[in-house]
N, C-alpha and C. Protein backbone atom coordinates (compact mmCIF):
# COMPACT_ATOMS: atom_id res chain seq x y z
N UNK A 1 99.97 81.96 72.14
CA UNK A 1 98.63 82.32 72.54
C UNK A 1 98.59 83.82 72.85
N UNK A 2 97.61 84.48 72.33
CA UNK A 2 97.46 85.92 72.53
C UNK A 2 96.71 86.20 73.83
N UNK A 3 97.17 87.19 74.55
CA UNK A 3 96.53 87.58 75.79
C UNK A 3 95.25 88.34 75.50
N UNK A 4 94.17 88.01 76.18
CA UNK A 4 92.92 88.74 76.05
C UNK A 4 92.43 89.12 77.44
N UNK A 5 91.62 90.14 77.48
CA UNK A 5 91.04 90.59 78.74
C UNK A 5 89.93 89.67 79.19
N UNK A 6 89.65 89.74 80.47
CA UNK A 6 88.52 89.01 81.03
C UNK A 6 87.23 89.61 80.47
N UNK A 7 86.39 88.81 79.81
CA UNK A 7 85.18 89.38 79.20
C UNK A 7 84.19 89.94 80.21
N UNK A 8 84.18 89.43 81.43
CA UNK A 8 83.26 89.96 82.44
C UNK A 8 83.67 91.37 82.84
N UNK A 9 84.97 91.64 82.93
CA UNK A 9 85.42 92.98 83.29
C UNK A 9 85.19 93.97 82.15
N UNK A 10 85.16 93.49 80.91
CA UNK A 10 84.88 94.39 79.78
C UNK A 10 83.46 94.95 79.85
N UNK A 11 82.54 94.20 80.44
CA UNK A 11 81.16 94.68 80.59
C UNK A 11 81.08 95.86 81.55
N UNK A 12 82.10 96.02 82.40
CA UNK A 12 82.08 97.06 83.43
C UNK A 12 83.00 98.23 83.12
N UNK A 13 83.47 98.35 81.89
CA UNK A 13 84.37 99.46 81.54
C UNK A 13 83.70 100.83 81.71
N UNK A 14 82.46 100.96 81.32
CA UNK A 14 81.75 102.25 81.45
C UNK A 14 81.65 102.71 82.90
N UNK A 15 81.09 101.87 83.80
CA UNK A 15 81.03 102.29 85.21
C UNK A 15 82.40 102.51 85.83
N UNK A 16 83.39 101.71 85.45
CA UNK A 16 84.74 101.89 86.01
C UNK A 16 85.35 103.21 85.55
N UNK A 17 85.15 103.57 84.29
CA UNK A 17 85.69 104.84 83.79
C UNK A 17 85.03 106.03 84.46
N UNK A 18 83.73 105.98 84.68
CA UNK A 18 83.08 107.10 85.36
C UNK A 18 83.52 107.18 86.82
N UNK A 19 83.75 106.04 87.45
CA UNK A 19 84.24 106.03 88.83
C UNK A 19 85.65 106.61 88.91
N UNK A 20 86.52 106.25 87.98
CA UNK A 20 87.88 106.80 87.94
C UNK A 20 87.88 108.29 87.63
N UNK A 21 86.97 108.74 86.79
CA UNK A 21 86.87 110.18 86.48
C UNK A 21 86.51 110.95 87.75
N UNK A 22 85.60 110.41 88.56
CA UNK A 22 85.25 111.05 89.82
C UNK A 22 86.44 111.05 90.78
N UNK A 23 87.23 109.97 90.76
CA UNK A 23 88.40 109.91 91.63
C UNK A 23 89.47 110.92 91.21
N UNK A 24 89.63 111.13 89.90
CA UNK A 24 90.57 112.16 89.43
C UNK A 24 90.08 113.55 89.83
N UNK A 25 88.78 113.78 89.86
CA UNK A 25 88.24 115.08 90.24
C UNK A 25 88.49 115.38 91.72
N UNK A 26 88.57 114.33 92.54
CA UNK A 26 88.84 114.50 93.97
C UNK A 26 90.15 113.80 94.31
N UNK A 27 91.20 114.14 93.59
CA UNK A 27 92.51 113.48 93.64
C UNK A 27 93.06 113.46 95.06
N UNK A 28 93.48 112.28 95.51
CA UNK A 28 94.08 112.14 96.82
C UNK A 28 93.11 111.81 97.93
N UNK A 29 91.83 111.89 97.67
CA UNK A 29 90.80 111.59 98.68
C UNK A 29 90.03 110.34 98.27
N UNK A 30 89.38 109.74 99.26
CA UNK A 30 88.57 108.55 99.00
C UNK A 30 87.29 108.95 98.29
N UNK A 31 86.93 108.20 97.28
CA UNK A 31 85.69 108.41 96.52
C UNK A 31 84.88 107.13 96.61
N UNK A 32 83.60 107.26 96.93
CA UNK A 32 82.74 106.10 97.15
C UNK A 32 81.84 105.82 95.95
N UNK A 33 81.50 104.56 95.81
CA UNK A 33 80.54 104.15 94.80
C UNK A 33 79.87 102.87 95.26
N UNK A 34 78.71 102.62 94.73
CA UNK A 34 77.99 101.39 95.01
C UNK A 34 77.87 100.62 93.71
N UNK A 35 78.38 99.42 93.70
CA UNK A 35 78.31 98.58 92.52
C UNK A 35 76.98 97.83 92.54
N UNK A 36 76.09 98.16 91.60
CA UNK A 36 74.81 97.45 91.59
C UNK A 36 74.98 96.03 91.08
N UNK A 37 74.04 95.17 91.40
CA UNK A 37 74.10 93.82 90.84
C UNK A 37 73.95 93.89 89.32
N UNK A 38 74.39 92.88 88.60
CA UNK A 38 74.29 92.92 87.14
C UNK A 38 72.85 93.02 86.66
N UNK A 39 72.66 93.83 85.63
CA UNK A 39 71.33 93.97 85.04
C UNK A 39 70.99 92.71 84.26
N UNK A 40 69.76 92.63 83.78
CA UNK A 40 69.34 91.47 83.00
C UNK A 40 70.15 91.34 81.73
N UNK A 41 70.41 92.47 81.06
CA UNK A 41 71.21 92.44 79.83
C UNK A 41 72.65 92.02 80.12
N UNK A 42 73.22 92.51 81.23
CA UNK A 42 74.58 92.13 81.58
C UNK A 42 74.66 90.65 81.96
N UNK A 43 73.64 90.16 82.66
CA UNK A 43 73.61 88.73 82.99
C UNK A 43 73.52 87.89 81.73
N UNK A 44 72.69 88.31 80.79
CA UNK A 44 72.54 87.56 79.54
C UNK A 44 73.85 87.55 78.75
N UNK A 45 74.54 88.70 78.72
CA UNK A 45 75.82 88.77 78.02
C UNK A 45 76.86 87.87 78.70
N UNK A 46 76.88 87.86 80.02
CA UNK A 46 77.84 87.02 80.75
C UNK A 46 77.53 85.54 80.54
N UNK A 47 76.26 85.17 80.62
CA UNK A 47 75.90 83.77 80.44
C UNK A 47 76.15 83.30 79.01
N UNK A 48 76.03 84.22 78.04
CA UNK A 48 76.31 83.83 76.65
C UNK A 48 77.79 83.54 76.45
N UNK A 49 78.64 84.12 77.31
CA UNK A 49 80.08 83.85 77.25
C UNK A 49 80.47 82.67 78.14
N UNK A 50 79.49 82.08 78.79
CA UNK A 50 79.77 80.95 79.68
C UNK A 50 80.25 81.36 81.06
N UNK A 51 79.96 82.59 81.47
CA UNK A 51 80.40 83.11 82.77
C UNK A 51 79.21 83.36 83.67
N UNK A 52 79.38 83.14 84.94
CA UNK A 52 78.33 83.40 85.92
C UNK A 52 78.78 84.55 86.81
N UNK A 53 78.10 85.72 86.74
CA UNK A 53 78.53 86.85 87.56
C UNK A 53 78.34 86.63 89.06
N UNK A 54 77.49 85.68 89.43
CA UNK A 54 77.25 85.39 90.84
C UNK A 54 78.13 84.27 91.38
N UNK A 55 79.03 83.76 90.55
CA UNK A 55 79.91 82.68 91.00
C UNK A 55 80.82 83.18 92.11
N UNK A 56 81.18 82.28 92.99
CA UNK A 56 82.07 82.64 94.09
C UNK A 56 83.45 82.97 93.56
N UNK A 57 84.10 83.91 94.22
CA UNK A 57 85.47 84.27 93.86
C UNK A 57 86.39 83.12 94.23
N UNK A 58 87.18 82.61 93.27
CA UNK A 58 88.04 81.47 93.60
C UNK A 58 89.12 81.79 94.64
N UNK A 59 89.44 83.06 94.81
CA UNK A 59 90.47 83.45 95.77
C UNK A 59 89.89 83.86 97.12
N UNK A 60 88.58 83.99 97.19
CA UNK A 60 87.92 84.30 98.45
C UNK A 60 87.98 85.74 98.89
N UNK A 61 88.46 86.65 98.01
CA UNK A 61 88.56 88.06 98.39
C UNK A 61 87.28 88.83 98.11
N UNK A 62 86.46 88.33 97.24
CA UNK A 62 85.23 89.02 96.83
C UNK A 62 84.03 88.12 97.08
N UNK A 63 82.86 88.71 97.31
CA UNK A 63 81.67 87.89 97.46
C UNK A 63 81.31 87.15 96.17
N UNK A 64 81.60 87.78 95.03
CA UNK A 64 81.26 87.14 93.75
C UNK A 64 82.18 87.64 92.64
N UNK A 65 82.04 87.04 91.48
CA UNK A 65 82.90 87.38 90.34
C UNK A 65 82.60 88.78 89.82
N UNK A 66 81.40 89.29 90.04
CA UNK A 66 81.00 90.62 89.56
C UNK A 66 81.84 91.72 90.22
N UNK A 67 82.01 91.66 91.54
CA UNK A 67 82.83 92.65 92.24
C UNK A 67 84.29 92.57 91.85
N UNK A 68 84.79 91.36 91.66
CA UNK A 68 86.18 91.19 91.24
C UNK A 68 86.41 91.73 89.83
N UNK A 69 85.43 91.53 88.95
CA UNK A 69 85.55 92.03 87.58
C UNK A 69 85.55 93.56 87.56
N UNK A 70 84.79 94.19 88.45
CA UNK A 70 84.78 95.66 88.50
C UNK A 70 86.15 96.19 88.91
N UNK A 71 86.79 95.55 89.87
CA UNK A 71 88.12 95.98 90.29
C UNK A 71 89.13 95.79 89.15
N UNK A 72 89.05 94.67 88.46
CA UNK A 72 89.96 94.45 87.33
C UNK A 72 89.75 95.49 86.24
N UNK A 73 88.49 95.85 86.00
CA UNK A 73 88.21 96.86 84.98
C UNK A 73 88.76 98.22 85.39
N UNK A 74 88.63 98.58 86.66
CA UNK A 74 89.17 99.86 87.13
C UNK A 74 90.68 99.90 87.00
N UNK A 75 91.34 98.83 87.38
CA UNK A 75 92.82 98.80 87.26
C UNK A 75 93.26 98.84 85.80
N UNK A 76 92.57 98.10 84.94
CA UNK A 76 92.94 98.07 83.53
C UNK A 76 92.74 99.43 82.88
N UNK A 77 91.61 100.10 83.17
CA UNK A 77 91.34 101.41 82.58
C UNK A 77 92.34 102.45 83.08
N UNK A 78 92.75 102.36 84.34
CA UNK A 78 93.77 103.29 84.83
C UNK A 78 95.09 103.05 84.13
N UNK A 79 95.47 101.79 83.94
CA UNK A 79 96.73 101.48 83.29
C UNK A 79 96.74 101.88 81.82
N UNK A 80 95.61 101.75 81.14
CA UNK A 80 95.55 102.06 79.72
C UNK A 80 95.28 103.53 79.42
N UNK A 81 94.45 104.19 80.21
CA UNK A 81 93.99 105.54 79.90
C UNK A 81 94.28 106.56 80.98
N UNK A 82 94.96 106.15 82.06
CA UNK A 82 95.22 107.06 83.17
C UNK A 82 96.49 107.87 82.98
N UNK A 83 96.35 109.16 82.98
CA UNK A 83 97.50 110.07 82.89
C UNK A 83 97.72 110.70 84.26
N UNK A 84 98.66 111.62 84.36
CA UNK A 84 99.04 112.18 85.65
C UNK A 84 97.86 112.84 86.37
N UNK A 85 97.06 113.60 85.67
CA UNK A 85 95.98 114.33 86.33
C UNK A 85 94.60 114.11 85.72
N UNK A 86 94.46 113.18 84.78
CA UNK A 86 93.14 112.94 84.21
C UNK A 86 93.08 111.57 83.55
N UNK A 87 91.87 111.09 83.43
CA UNK A 87 91.61 109.85 82.70
C UNK A 87 91.16 110.25 81.31
N UNK A 88 91.77 109.65 80.29
CA UNK A 88 91.44 109.98 78.90
C UNK A 88 90.99 108.71 78.18
N UNK A 89 89.73 108.32 78.36
CA UNK A 89 89.24 107.13 77.66
C UNK A 89 89.34 107.31 76.14
N UNK A 90 89.85 106.31 75.47
CA UNK A 90 90.03 106.38 74.03
C UNK A 90 91.43 106.82 73.62
N UNK A 91 92.16 107.49 74.51
CA UNK A 91 93.52 107.95 74.23
C UNK A 91 94.48 107.01 74.97
N UNK A 92 94.78 105.88 74.34
CA UNK A 92 95.56 104.84 74.99
C UNK A 92 97.01 105.26 75.21
N UNK A 93 97.50 104.97 76.40
CA UNK A 93 98.88 105.30 76.76
C UNK A 93 99.85 104.38 76.05
N UNK A 94 101.04 104.87 75.80
CA UNK A 94 102.08 104.07 75.17
C UNK A 94 103.00 103.48 76.23
N UNK A 95 103.31 104.25 77.25
CA UNK A 95 104.21 103.80 78.31
C UNK A 95 103.50 102.76 79.19
N UNK A 96 104.23 101.73 79.63
CA UNK A 96 103.58 100.69 80.41
C UNK A 96 103.27 101.11 81.85
N UNK A 97 104.02 102.03 82.42
CA UNK A 97 103.81 102.43 83.80
C UNK A 97 102.73 103.49 83.93
N UNK A 98 102.27 103.70 85.15
CA UNK A 98 101.28 104.74 85.39
C UNK A 98 101.89 105.82 86.26
N UNK A 99 101.30 106.99 86.23
CA UNK A 99 101.76 108.10 87.06
C UNK A 99 101.00 108.15 88.37
N UNK A 100 99.98 107.34 88.49
CA UNK A 100 99.17 107.34 89.69
C UNK A 100 99.03 105.93 90.23
N UNK A 101 98.76 105.85 91.51
CA UNK A 101 98.53 104.57 92.17
C UNK A 101 97.08 104.52 92.59
N UNK A 102 96.47 103.37 92.42
CA UNK A 102 95.07 103.17 92.75
C UNK A 102 94.98 102.31 94.00
N UNK A 103 94.33 102.84 95.03
CA UNK A 103 94.04 102.05 96.23
C UNK A 103 92.55 101.74 96.20
N UNK A 104 92.21 100.48 96.41
CA UNK A 104 90.81 100.06 96.40
C UNK A 104 90.47 99.45 97.76
N UNK A 105 89.37 99.90 98.34
CA UNK A 105 88.83 99.31 99.55
C UNK A 105 87.38 99.00 99.27
N UNK A 106 86.91 97.87 99.75
CA UNK A 106 85.50 97.55 99.54
C UNK A 106 84.95 96.83 100.75
N UNK A 107 83.64 96.77 100.79
CA UNK A 107 82.96 96.11 101.90
C UNK A 107 82.84 94.63 101.58
N UNK A 108 83.96 93.95 101.60
CA UNK A 108 83.98 92.54 101.25
C UNK A 108 83.14 91.71 102.21
N UNK A 109 83.02 92.18 103.43
CA UNK A 109 82.27 91.41 104.42
C UNK A 109 80.81 91.24 104.10
N UNK A 110 80.23 92.06 103.28
CA UNK A 110 78.83 91.93 102.95
C UNK A 110 78.34 93.09 102.12
N UNK A 111 77.09 93.05 101.80
CA UNK A 111 76.48 94.09 100.99
C UNK A 111 75.84 95.12 101.90
N UNK A 112 75.74 96.36 101.42
CA UNK A 112 75.14 97.44 102.18
C UNK A 112 73.91 97.94 101.44
N UNK A 113 72.96 98.47 102.20
CA UNK A 113 71.74 99.01 101.61
C UNK A 113 71.99 100.44 101.19
N UNK A 114 71.57 100.77 99.98
CA UNK A 114 71.76 102.12 99.48
C UNK A 114 70.40 102.80 99.39
N UNK A 115 70.15 103.81 100.22
CA UNK A 115 68.88 104.52 100.12
C UNK A 115 68.85 105.39 98.88
N UNK A 116 67.71 105.79 98.33
CA UNK A 116 66.37 105.44 98.77
C UNK A 116 65.87 104.14 98.16
N UNK A 117 66.67 103.51 97.33
CA UNK A 117 66.22 102.32 96.62
C UNK A 117 65.99 101.16 97.58
N UNK A 118 66.85 101.02 98.57
CA UNK A 118 66.74 99.91 99.50
C UNK A 118 67.33 98.62 98.93
N UNK A 119 68.01 98.74 97.81
CA UNK A 119 68.61 97.57 97.18
C UNK A 119 70.00 97.35 97.78
N UNK A 120 70.34 96.11 98.03
CA UNK A 120 71.65 95.82 98.60
C UNK A 120 72.69 95.80 97.49
N UNK A 121 73.77 96.52 97.73
CA UNK A 121 74.82 96.68 96.73
C UNK A 121 76.19 96.52 97.37
N UNK A 122 77.17 96.37 96.54
CA UNK A 122 78.56 96.23 96.95
C UNK A 122 79.16 97.64 97.04
N UNK A 123 79.58 98.07 98.23
CA UNK A 123 80.16 99.40 98.40
C UNK A 123 81.67 99.33 98.15
N UNK A 124 82.16 100.24 97.30
CA UNK A 124 83.58 100.28 96.96
C UNK A 124 84.06 101.72 97.09
N UNK A 125 85.26 101.90 97.60
CA UNK A 125 85.86 103.24 97.59
C UNK A 125 87.27 103.13 97.05
N UNK A 126 87.68 104.16 96.31
CA UNK A 126 89.01 104.18 95.72
C UNK A 126 89.68 105.52 96.01
N UNK A 127 90.99 105.51 95.91
CA UNK A 127 91.77 106.74 96.07
C UNK A 127 92.92 106.69 95.09
N UNK A 128 93.16 107.79 94.44
CA UNK A 128 94.31 107.92 93.53
C UNK A 128 95.33 108.84 94.18
N UNK A 129 96.59 108.49 94.04
CA UNK A 129 97.65 109.38 94.49
C UNK A 129 98.86 109.18 93.60
N UNK A 130 99.76 110.16 93.53
CA UNK A 130 100.89 110.10 92.61
C UNK A 130 101.88 108.99 92.95
N UNK A 131 102.57 108.53 91.94
CA UNK A 131 103.63 107.53 92.10
C UNK A 131 104.96 108.23 92.32
N UNK A 132 105.09 109.01 93.34
CA UNK A 132 106.36 109.69 93.58
C UNK A 132 106.54 109.91 95.06
N UNK A 133 107.80 110.00 95.47
CA UNK A 133 108.09 110.25 96.87
C UNK A 133 107.83 111.71 97.23
N UNK A 134 107.67 112.58 96.22
CA UNK A 134 107.40 113.99 96.52
C UNK A 134 106.02 114.15 97.16
N UNK A 135 105.13 113.19 96.94
CA UNK A 135 103.79 113.27 97.53
C UNK A 135 103.86 113.05 99.03
N UNK A 136 104.93 112.41 99.51
CA UNK A 136 105.06 112.15 100.94
C UNK A 136 105.46 113.40 101.70
N UNK A 137 105.86 114.44 101.00
CA UNK A 137 106.24 115.68 101.67
C UNK A 137 107.59 115.56 102.34
N UNK A 138 107.66 115.95 103.62
CA UNK A 138 108.92 115.93 104.35
C UNK A 138 109.18 114.60 105.06
N UNK A 139 108.32 113.63 104.87
CA UNK A 139 108.51 112.35 105.56
C UNK A 139 109.73 111.63 104.98
N UNK A 140 110.58 111.08 105.85
CA UNK A 140 111.76 110.36 105.34
C UNK A 140 111.35 109.02 104.73
N UNK A 141 112.10 108.61 103.74
CA UNK A 141 111.86 107.31 103.14
C UNK A 141 112.44 106.23 104.03
N UNK A 142 111.87 105.05 104.01
CA UNK A 142 112.36 103.96 104.84
C UNK A 142 113.77 103.57 104.44
N UNK A 143 114.11 103.66 103.15
CA UNK A 143 115.45 103.28 102.69
C UNK A 143 116.51 104.23 103.24
N UNK A 144 116.14 105.50 103.51
CA UNK A 144 117.12 106.45 104.04
C UNK A 144 117.47 106.14 105.49
N UNK A 145 116.55 105.54 106.23
CA UNK A 145 116.77 105.25 107.63
C UNK A 145 117.34 103.85 107.87
N UNK A 146 117.48 103.09 106.83
CA UNK A 146 117.94 101.71 106.98
C UNK A 146 119.42 101.70 107.32
N UNK A 147 119.83 101.02 108.39
CA UNK A 147 121.26 101.02 108.74
C UNK A 147 122.09 100.27 107.71
N UNK A 148 123.27 100.78 107.49
CA UNK A 148 124.25 100.17 106.59
C UNK A 148 123.75 100.06 105.15
N UNK A 149 122.94 100.96 104.72
CA UNK A 149 122.41 100.85 103.34
C UNK A 149 123.51 101.06 102.32
N UNK A 150 124.54 101.82 102.65
CA UNK A 150 125.66 102.01 101.73
C UNK A 150 126.43 100.70 101.53
N UNK A 151 126.53 99.92 102.61
CA UNK A 151 127.25 98.65 102.52
C UNK A 151 126.45 97.64 101.70
N UNK A 152 125.14 97.74 101.76
CA UNK A 152 124.30 96.78 101.03
C UNK A 152 124.26 97.10 99.55
N UNK A 153 124.32 98.39 99.18
CA UNK A 153 124.28 98.79 97.79
C UNK A 153 125.52 99.60 97.44
N UNK A 154 126.58 98.95 97.03
CA UNK A 154 127.82 99.70 96.76
C UNK A 154 127.69 100.61 95.56
């Protein structure tokens, strides 16, 4: 059986790529976005695939499948198109690992109102940082302070 992506997350590739581009522009800092509810066209596309964007998250981490699909799309786009200092949509990476780590925080507890529209939306913030210990600066690594580490790893 061939692996395929979640079709609901594929609908959110455009917004996820623009959100990641903003995060690369402000590398290392939190970047905010508001995920709007699915449009009529997006709902129709999801229902034609047999998916309900308003369905409850089976794992209970998200209010609905729409917010979970956005996170999956952001992670997938970073893994496929994320380079050390920029996102290059269309230029697929060959190496399986990434040079950056994506931290996602969201207002899972509920929706927030976004002015001036007054529409309730899902607030999400992300931060990108390098996958290296050099980003920690002079902070010691936990493995260096672990007692008897030489005995554990000969």
